[in-house]
Amino acid sequence: MIDLARETAEICIDMFGEPITFAGQPACGIVATELVELGGYDAVVESRLTVSVLVEEVPAIEKGQPVIARGNVHKVDQLMAGNDNPDLMVKVVLR
């Protein structure tokens, strides 16, 4: 049986993904600059770099992990809440 969600996620990564390094491991992710709401006591909205990755392609995601995207080193700040299947693809906010 075809897993339509997985197939769609893989096609999106193939079409729009860029080479990245996630916690020292080469991977491919969809890199974008987005307005994101950052949690905390006083929630704020900022323009931040995000990267969407296939969960099975990267190590377990933890805050502070280094991510190299577009030639710059960033760190994982938080996972972004979304409608995607978190067991398949996740979007990470970088700092």
Protein backbone atom coordinates (compact mmCIF):
# COMPACT_ATOMS: atom_id res chain seq x y z
CA MET A 1 0.00 0.00 0.00
CA ILE A 2 1.26 3.50 -0.84
CA ASP A 3 1.81 5.90 2.06
CA LEU A 4 0.57 9.08 0.40
CA ALA A 5 1.77 11.41 3.17
CA ARG A 6 5.31 9.98 3.03
CA GLU A 7 5.41 10.10 -0.77
CA THR A 8 4.24 13.72 -0.78
CA ALA A 9 6.80 14.75 1.86
CA GLU A 10 9.63 13.06 -0.05
CA ILE A 11 8.58 14.74 -3.31
CA CYS A 12 8.50 18.16 -1.59
CA ILE A 13 12.00 17.62 -0.17
CA ASP A 14 13.25 16.48 -3.60
CA MET A 15 11.74 19.51 -5.36
CA PHE A 16 12.36 22.30 -2.85
CA GLY A 17 15.05 20.94 -0.53
CA GLU A 18 18.58 22.26 -0.15
CA PRO A 19 21.64 20.53 1.25
CA ILE A 20 22.01 21.15 4.99
CA THR A 21 24.00 19.64 7.82
CA PHE A 22 21.90 18.74 10.85
CA ALA A 23 23.86 17.99 14.04
CA GLY A 24 26.86 16.97 11.93
CA GLN A 25 24.89 14.73 9.57
CA PRO A 26 24.38 15.71 5.90
CA ALA A 27 20.71 15.97 5.04
CA CYS A 28 18.28 17.83 2.83
CA GLY A 29 15.72 20.35 4.08
CA ILE A 30 13.36 23.03 2.90
CA VAL A 31 14.91 26.28 4.13
CA ALA A 32 12.75 29.41 4.41
CA THR A 33 12.53 32.74 6.18
CA GLU A 34 9.17 33.00 7.93
CA LEU A 35 7.33 35.02 10.51
CA VAL A 36 7.05 32.75 13.53
CA GLU A 37 5.48 33.15 16.95
CA LEU A 38 8.09 32.41 19.57
CA GLY A 39 6.77 30.99 22.81
CA GLY A 40 7.60 32.24 26.25
CA TYR A 41 6.15 34.52 28.88
CA ASP A 42 5.53 37.29 26.35
CA ALA A 43 5.06 35.66 22.96
CA VAL A 44 6.59 37.64 20.10
CA VAL A 45 6.54 37.35 16.32
CA GLU A 46 9.90 37.46 14.55
CA SER A 47 11.27 36.80 11.09
CA ARG A 48 13.32 33.64 11.50
CA LEU A 49 15.01 31.01 9.36
CA THR A 50 13.17 27.68 9.43
CA VAL A 51 14.02 24.30 7.99
CA SER A 52 11.59 21.45 7.29
CA VAL A 53 13.16 17.99 7.41
CA LEU A 54 12.11 14.38 7.13
CA VAL A 55 12.35 13.00 10.68
CA GLU A 56 14.00 9.75 9.55
CA GLU A 57 16.78 11.69 7.74
CA VAL A 58 18.13 13.56 10.79
CA PRO A 59 19.21 12.67 14.33
CA ALA A 60 16.71 13.14 17.15
CA ILE A 61 15.97 16.87 17.22
CA GLU A 62 17.02 18.75 20.34
CA LYS A 63 17.21 22.43 21.20
CA GLY A 64 20.69 23.85 20.60
CA GLN A 65 21.77 21.37 17.91
CA PRO A 66 23.88 22.97 15.17
CA VAL A 67 22.37 23.26 11.70
CA ILE A 68 24.34 24.49 8.70
CA ALA A 69 22.01 26.04 6.12
CA ARG A 70 22.89 28.34 3.25
CA GLY A 71 26.50 28.48 4.39
CA ASN A 72 25.78 29.72 7.92
CA VAL A 73 25.77 27.90 11.24
CA HIS A 74 22.53 28.16 13.21
CA LYS A 75 21.13 26.38 16.25
CA VAL A 76 17.78 24.70 16.78
CA ASP A 77 15.59 27.06 18.81
CA GLN A 78 12.25 25.24 18.80
CA LEU A 79 9.98 22.93 16.86
CA MET A 80 7.23 24.78 15.06
CA ALA A 81 3.69 23.63 15.68
CA GLY A 82 1.92 22.64 12.50
CA ASN A 83 -0.52 20.35 10.78
CA ASP A 84 2.19 18.09 9.39
CA ASN A 85 2.62 14.55 10.65
CA PRO A 86 5.35 15.01 13.33
CA ASP A 87 6.48 11.41 12.82
CA LEU A 88 7.20 12.16 9.16
CA MET A 89 8.22 15.78 8.63
CA VAL A 90 8.90 18.60 11.09
CA LYS A 91 9.68 22.29 10.81
CA VAL A 92 12.39 23.65 13.07
CA VAL A 93 12.91 27.32 13.98
CA LEU A 94 16.59 28.29 13.95
CA ARG A 95 18.50 31.07 15.70
